[in-house]
Amino acid sequence: MNDLVVEHVLRAVECVPPGRVVSYGAIGALVGVGPRQVGAVLREYGDGVTWWRVTNAYGDLTPELLRGARPHWAQEGILVKRNGRGCVLADHRVDEEAWSAAYRSATADLPPCR
């Protein structure tokens, strides 16, 4: 895996503020990679970042990820939706403009992935 992509993805995740979530696709669009690459980076290198703030496009996580995310979500005020699969993305979605600005600042020292 490309180290530059890994660093960009991890920094993008770290820019998501507490109580907010973002989709794999939104991170991919910001960084310039596909959502599956984002998932692969988080699977391999995501233990040290706030991975629980990243969901699929529906606000859902796999059952195993949701088990790990629930304590973090409870602490951050992210509510689990009725079907128990994740959160209501519309209620907890990151402010994309502020997040994008934070990401640009956090990656100013890196060359772009694109």
N, C-alpha and C. Protein backbone atom coordinates (compact mmCIF):
# COMPACT_ATOMS: atom_id res chain seq x y z
N MET A 1 0.84 -1.18 0.00
CA MET A 1 0.00 0.00 0.00
C MET A 1 0.88 1.24 0.00
N ASN A 2 0.48 2.24 -0.72
CA ASN A 2 1.21 3.49 -0.85
C ASN A 2 1.23 4.24 0.48
N ASP A 3 2.43 4.52 1.00
CA ASP A 3 2.57 5.21 2.29
C ASP A 3 1.92 6.59 2.28
N LEU A 4 1.97 7.27 1.15
CA LEU A 4 1.38 8.60 1.05
C LEU A 4 -0.14 8.52 1.18
N VAL A 5 -0.75 7.55 0.54
CA VAL A 5 -2.20 7.36 0.65
C VAL A 5 -2.56 7.05 2.10
N VAL A 6 -1.81 6.17 2.72
CA VAL A 6 -2.06 5.82 4.12
C VAL A 6 -2.04 7.07 4.99
N GLU A 7 -1.03 7.88 4.83
CA GLU A 7 -0.90 9.08 5.66
C GLU A 7 -2.05 10.06 5.41
N HIS A 8 -2.42 10.25 4.16
CA HIS A 8 -3.54 11.14 3.85
C HIS A 8 -4.84 10.64 4.46
N VAL A 9 -5.11 9.36 4.32
CA VAL A 9 -6.35 8.79 4.86
C VAL A 9 -6.38 8.92 6.38
N LEU A 10 -5.30 8.57 7.04
CA LEU A 10 -5.27 8.64 8.50
C LEU A 10 -5.44 10.07 9.00
N ARG A 11 -4.82 11.01 8.32
CA ARG A 11 -4.98 12.41 8.74
C ARG A 11 -6.40 12.90 8.48
N ALA A 12 -7.02 12.45 7.39
CA ALA A 12 -8.41 12.83 7.12
C ALA A 12 -9.33 12.32 8.22
N VAL A 13 -9.10 11.09 8.67
CA VAL A 13 -9.90 10.51 9.75
C VAL A 13 -9.70 11.31 11.03
N GLU A 14 -8.48 11.66 11.33
CA GLU A 14 -8.19 12.42 12.56
C GLU A 14 -8.80 13.82 12.55
N CYS A 15 -9.15 14.32 11.38
CA CYS A 15 -9.77 15.65 11.29
C CYS A 15 -11.28 15.63 11.54
N VAL A 16 -11.86 14.45 11.63
CA VAL A 16 -13.30 14.35 11.93
C VAL A 16 -13.47 14.62 13.42
N PRO A 17 -14.24 15.65 13.76
CA PRO A 17 -14.37 16.01 15.18
C PRO A 17 -15.22 15.02 15.97
N PRO A 18 -15.05 15.00 17.29
CA PRO A 18 -15.87 14.13 18.13
C PRO A 18 -17.36 14.37 17.90
N GLY A 19 -18.12 13.29 17.92
CA GLY A 19 -19.56 13.39 17.74
C GLY A 19 -20.01 13.45 16.30
N ARG A 20 -19.07 13.38 15.39
CA ARG A 20 -19.38 13.47 13.96
C ARG A 20 -18.86 12.24 13.24
N VAL A 21 -19.46 11.91 12.11
CA VAL A 21 -19.02 10.78 11.30
C VAL A 21 -18.92 11.21 9.84
N VAL A 22 -18.20 10.40 9.10
CA VAL A 22 -18.00 10.64 7.67
C VAL A 22 -17.96 9.27 7.00
N SER A 23 -18.33 9.22 5.75
CA SER A 23 -18.33 7.93 5.04
C SER A 23 -16.97 7.64 4.42
N TYR A 24 -16.75 6.37 4.14
CA TYR A 24 -15.54 5.96 3.45
C TYR A 24 -15.43 6.69 2.11
N GLY A 25 -16.56 6.84 1.44
CA GLY A 25 -16.58 7.52 0.15
C GLY A 25 -16.21 8.99 0.25
N ALA A 26 -16.66 9.66 1.30
CA ALA A 26 -16.32 11.07 1.47
C ALA A 26 -14.83 11.24 1.73
N ILE A 27 -14.26 10.34 2.51
CA ILE A 27 -12.81 10.39 2.73
C ILE A 27 -12.09 10.14 1.42
N GLY A 28 -12.54 9.13 0.68
CA GLY A 28 -11.93 8.83 -0.60
C GLY A 28 -11.98 10.01 -1.56
N ALA A 29 -13.12 10.68 -1.62
CA ALA A 29 -13.26 11.84 -2.49
C ALA A 29 -12.32 12.97 -2.07
N LEU A 30 -12.18 13.17 -0.79
CA LEU A 30 -11.30 14.22 -0.28
C LEU A 30 -9.84 13.92 -0.57
N VAL A 31 -9.45 12.67 -0.36
CA VAL A 31 -8.06 12.26 -0.50
C VAL A 31 -7.68 12.00 -1.96
N GLY A 32 -8.65 11.50 -2.74
CA GLY A 32 -8.39 11.17 -4.13
C GLY A 32 -8.18 9.69 -4.38
N VAL A 33 -8.84 8.86 -3.55
CA VAL A 33 -8.78 7.41 -3.71
C VAL A 33 -10.20 6.86 -3.58
N GLY A 34 -10.36 5.58 -3.84
CA GLY A 34 -11.67 4.96 -3.72
C GLY A 34 -12.01 4.60 -2.29
N PRO A 35 -13.30 4.43 -2.00
CA PRO A 35 -13.72 4.08 -0.64
C PRO A 35 -13.16 2.75 -0.17
N ARG A 36 -12.95 1.82 -1.08
CA ARG A 36 -12.38 0.53 -0.67
C ARG A 36 -10.93 0.68 -0.23
N GLN A 37 -10.21 1.61 -0.86
CA GLN A 37 -8.84 1.88 -0.42
C GLN A 37 -8.86 2.48 0.98
N VAL A 38 -9.81 3.35 1.24
CA VAL A 38 -9.95 3.93 2.58
C VAL A 38 -10.18 2.81 3.59
N GLY A 39 -11.09 1.90 3.27
CA GLY A 39 -11.36 0.77 4.17
C GLY A 39 -10.13 -0.09 4.39
N ALA A 40 -9.36 -0.31 3.33
CA ALA A 40 -8.14 -1.12 3.46
C ALA A 40 -7.12 -0.44 4.35
N VAL A 41 -6.99 0.87 4.20
CA VAL A 41 -6.05 1.62 5.06
C VAL A 41 -6.48 1.50 6.51
N LEU A 42 -7.76 1.71 6.77
CA LEU A 42 -8.22 1.64 8.16
C LEU A 42 -8.11 0.23 8.73
N ARG A 43 -8.35 -0.77 7.90
CA ARG A 43 -8.21 -2.16 8.37
C ARG A 43 -6.77 -2.46 8.78
N GLU A 44 -5.82 -1.96 8.01
CA GLU A 44 -4.40 -2.25 8.26
C GLU A 44 -3.74 -1.30 9.26
N TYR A 45 -4.13 -0.03 9.23
CA TYR A 45 -3.40 1.00 9.99
C TYR A 45 -4.28 1.86 10.90
N GLY A 46 -5.56 1.55 10.98
CA GLY A 46 -6.49 2.44 11.66
C GLY A 46 -6.60 2.33 13.16
N ASP A 47 -5.90 1.41 13.78
CA ASP A 47 -6.04 1.24 15.23
C ASP A 47 -5.66 2.48 16.02
N GLY A 48 -4.76 3.29 15.50
CA GLY A 48 -4.28 4.46 16.23
C GLY A 48 -5.04 5.74 15.95
N VAL A 49 -6.11 5.66 15.14
CA VAL A 49 -6.89 6.85 14.83
C VAL A 49 -8.35 6.62 15.23
N THR A 50 -9.16 7.63 15.07
CA THR A 50 -10.56 7.59 15.47
C THR A 50 -11.42 6.90 14.40
N TRP A 51 -11.13 5.64 14.12
CA TRP A 51 -11.77 4.85 13.07
C TRP A 51 -13.29 4.77 13.24
N TRP A 52 -13.79 4.86 14.48
CA TRP A 52 -15.21 4.72 14.75
C TRP A 52 -16.02 5.87 14.18
N ARG A 53 -15.36 6.89 13.70
CA ARG A 53 -16.05 8.03 13.08
C ARG A 53 -16.21 7.86 11.58
N VAL A 54 -15.90 6.68 11.06
CA VAL A 54 -16.00 6.40 9.63
C VAL A 54 -17.00 5.27 9.43
N THR A 55 -18.02 5.52 8.61
CA THR A 55 -19.08 4.54 8.35
C THR A 55 -19.26 4.36 6.85
N ASN A 56 -20.16 3.47 6.49
CA ASN A 56 -20.51 3.38 5.08
C ASN A 56 -21.47 4.53 4.74
N ALA A 57 -21.94 4.56 3.53
CA ALA A 57 -22.78 5.68 3.06
C ALA A 57 -24.13 5.75 3.77
N TYR A 58 -24.50 4.69 4.47
CA TYR A 58 -25.77 4.66 5.19
C TYR A 58 -25.60 4.93 6.69
N GLY A 59 -24.37 5.18 7.11
CA GLY A 59 -24.09 5.38 8.53
C GLY A 59 -23.88 4.08 9.28
N ASP A 60 -23.77 2.97 8.54
CA ASP A 60 -23.67 1.66 9.16
C ASP A 60 -22.23 1.17 9.27
N LEU A 61 -22.04 0.23 10.18
CA LEU A 61 -20.77 -0.48 10.36
C LEU A 61 -21.07 -1.97 10.39
N THR A 62 -20.05 -2.78 10.14
CA THR A 62 -20.22 -4.22 10.31
C THR A 62 -20.48 -4.48 11.79
N PRO A 63 -21.12 -5.62 12.11
CA PRO A 63 -21.40 -5.90 13.53
C PRO A 63 -20.15 -5.86 14.41
N GLU A 64 -19.03 -6.39 13.92
CA GLU A 64 -17.82 -6.39 14.75
C GLU A 64 -17.29 -4.98 14.97
N LEU A 65 -17.32 -4.14 13.92
CA LEU A 65 -16.87 -2.75 14.09
C LEU A 65 -17.83 -1.98 14.99
N LEU A 66 -19.12 -2.23 14.84
CA LEU A 66 -20.10 -1.53 15.66
C LEU A 66 -19.91 -1.85 17.14
N ARG A 67 -19.59 -3.10 17.45
CA ARG A 67 -19.33 -3.45 18.86
C ARG A 67 -18.20 -2.60 19.43
N GLY A 68 -17.15 -2.42 18.65
CA GLY A 68 -16.03 -1.59 19.12
C GLY A 68 -16.34 -0.11 19.12
N ALA A 69 -17.20 0.31 18.21
CA ALA A 69 -17.52 1.73 18.08
C ALA A 69 -18.51 2.22 19.13
N ARG A 70 -19.41 1.36 19.56
CA ARG A 70 -20.49 1.79 20.46
C ARG A 70 -20.02 2.53 21.71
N PRO A 71 -18.99 2.07 22.41
CA PRO A 71 -18.55 2.85 23.59
C PRO A 71 -18.07 4.25 23.21
N HIS A 72 -17.37 4.35 22.10
CA HIS A 72 -16.89 5.66 21.63
C HIS A 72 -18.08 6.54 21.23
N TRP A 73 -19.02 5.95 20.51
CA TRP A 73 -20.20 6.70 20.10
C TRP A 73 -20.98 7.20 21.31
N ALA A 74 -21.14 6.36 22.30
CA ALA A 74 -21.87 6.77 23.51
C ALA A 74 -21.17 7.94 24.18
N GLN A 75 -19.86 7.88 24.25
CA GLN A 75 -19.08 8.96 24.87
C GLN A 75 -19.20 10.25 24.06
N GLU A 76 -19.30 10.13 22.74
CA GLU A 76 -19.34 11.31 21.87
C GLU A 76 -20.75 11.77 21.52
N GLY A 77 -21.76 11.04 21.99
CA GLY A 77 -23.14 11.44 21.73
C GLY A 77 -23.67 11.01 20.37
N ILE A 78 -23.05 10.04 19.75
CA ILE A 78 -23.54 9.50 18.47
C ILE A 78 -24.53 8.40 18.80
N LEU A 79 -25.76 8.59 18.37
CA LEU A 79 -26.82 7.65 18.71
C LEU A 79 -26.92 6.53 17.68
N VAL A 80 -27.15 5.32 18.15
CA VAL A 80 -27.35 4.17 17.28
C VAL A 80 -28.80 4.21 16.79
N LYS A 81 -28.99 4.03 15.47
CA LYS A 81 -30.34 4.06 14.93
C LYS A 81 -31.12 2.82 15.31
N ARG A 82 -32.42 2.87 15.13
CA ARG A 82 -33.33 1.82 15.59
C ARG A 82 -32.97 0.43 15.08
N ASN A 83 -32.49 0.34 13.83
CA ASN A 83 -32.19 -1.00 13.31
C ASN A 83 -30.90 -1.57 13.89
N GLY A 84 -30.18 -0.77 14.69
CA GLY A 84 -28.99 -1.24 15.38
C GLY A 84 -27.77 -1.43 14.52
N ARG A 85 -27.79 -0.96 13.28
CA ARG A 85 -26.67 -1.19 12.36
C ARG A 85 -25.66 -0.05 12.31
N GLY A 86 -26.02 1.09 12.83
CA GLY A 86 -25.13 2.25 12.76
C GLY A 86 -25.83 3.49 13.28
N CYS A 87 -25.47 4.63 12.73
CA CYS A 87 -26.08 5.90 13.15
C CYS A 87 -26.81 6.53 11.97
N VAL A 88 -27.66 7.50 12.28
CA VAL A 88 -28.32 8.26 11.23
C VAL A 88 -27.30 9.27 10.74
N LEU A 89 -26.77 9.03 9.56
CA LEU A 89 -25.70 9.85 9.03
C LEU A 89 -26.09 11.32 8.96
N ALA A 90 -27.32 11.59 8.58
CA ALA A 90 -27.77 12.98 8.47
C ALA A 90 -27.71 13.72 9.81
N ASP A 91 -27.86 13.00 10.92
CA ASP A 91 -27.81 13.61 12.24
C ASP A 91 -26.40 13.85 12.75
N HIS A 92 -25.45 13.09 12.23
CA HIS A 92 -24.09 13.13 12.79
C HIS A 92 -23.01 13.41 11.76
N ARG A 93 -23.42 13.73 10.54
CA ARG A 93 -22.45 13.97 9.46
C ARG A 93 -21.56 15.16 9.79
N VAL A 94 -20.31 15.03 9.45
CA VAL A 94 -19.33 16.10 9.65
C VAL A 94 -19.70 17.31 8.80
N ASP A 95 -19.36 18.50 9.26
CA ASP A 95 -19.48 19.71 8.43
C ASP A 95 -18.36 19.60 7.40
N GLU A 96 -18.72 19.26 6.17
CA GLU A 96 -17.70 18.94 5.17
C GLU A 96 -16.78 20.11 4.84
N GLU A 97 -17.28 21.32 4.90
CA GLU A 97 -16.43 22.48 4.62
C GLU A 97 -15.36 22.65 5.70
N ALA A 98 -15.77 22.58 6.95
CA ALA A 98 -14.81 22.72 8.06
C ALA A 98 -13.84 21.54 8.07
N TRP A 99 -14.35 20.34 7.82
CA TRP A 99 -13.52 19.15 7.80
C TRP A 99 -12.49 19.22 6.68
N SER A 100 -12.92 19.65 5.51
CA SER A 100 -12.01 19.79 4.37
C SER A 100 -10.91 20.81 4.67
N ALA A 101 -11.27 21.91 5.30
CA ALA A 101 -10.28 22.93 5.66
C ALA A 101 -9.28 22.37 6.69
N ALA A 102 -9.79 21.63 7.67
CA ALA A 102 -8.91 21.02 8.67
C ALA A 102 -7.97 20.01 8.01
N TYR A 103 -8.48 19.25 7.06
CA TYR A 103 -7.66 18.27 6.34
C TYR A 103 -6.57 18.97 5.54
N ARG A 104 -6.92 20.02 4.82
CA ARG A 104 -5.91 20.76 4.04
C ARG A 104 -4.80 21.27 4.93
N SER A 105 -5.16 21.76 6.10
CA SER A 105 -4.16 22.25 7.05
C SER A 105 -3.30 21.09 7.59
N ALA A 106 -3.95 19.98 7.89
CA ALA A 106 -3.25 18.82 8.47
C ALA A 106 -2.33 18.12 7.46
N THR A 107 -2.58 18.34 6.18
CA THR A 107 -1.75 17.68 5.15
C THR A 107 -0.91 18.66 4.34
N ALA A 108 -0.78 19.88 4.85
CA ALA A 108 -0.03 20.91 4.12
C ALA A 108 1.43 20.51 3.88
N ASP A 109 1.94 19.64 4.72
CA ASP A 109 3.33 19.22 4.60
C ASP A 109 3.51 18.01 3.67
N LEU A 110 2.42 17.49 3.12
CA LEU A 110 2.46 16.30 2.27
C LEU A 110 2.19 16.65 0.81
N PRO A 111 2.79 15.92 -0.12
CA PRO A 111 2.38 16.07 -1.52
C PRO A 111 0.99 15.46 -1.68
N PRO A 112 0.23 15.91 -2.66
CA PRO A 112 -1.12 15.35 -2.87
C PRO A 112 -1.06 13.90 -3.34
N CYS A 113 -2.14 13.17 -3.11
CA CYS A 113 -2.23 11.78 -3.57
C CYS A 113 -2.59 11.69 -5.05
N ARG A 114 -3.23 12.69 -5.57
CA ARG A 114 -3.77 12.64 -6.92
C ARG A 114 -2.72 12.74 -7.98
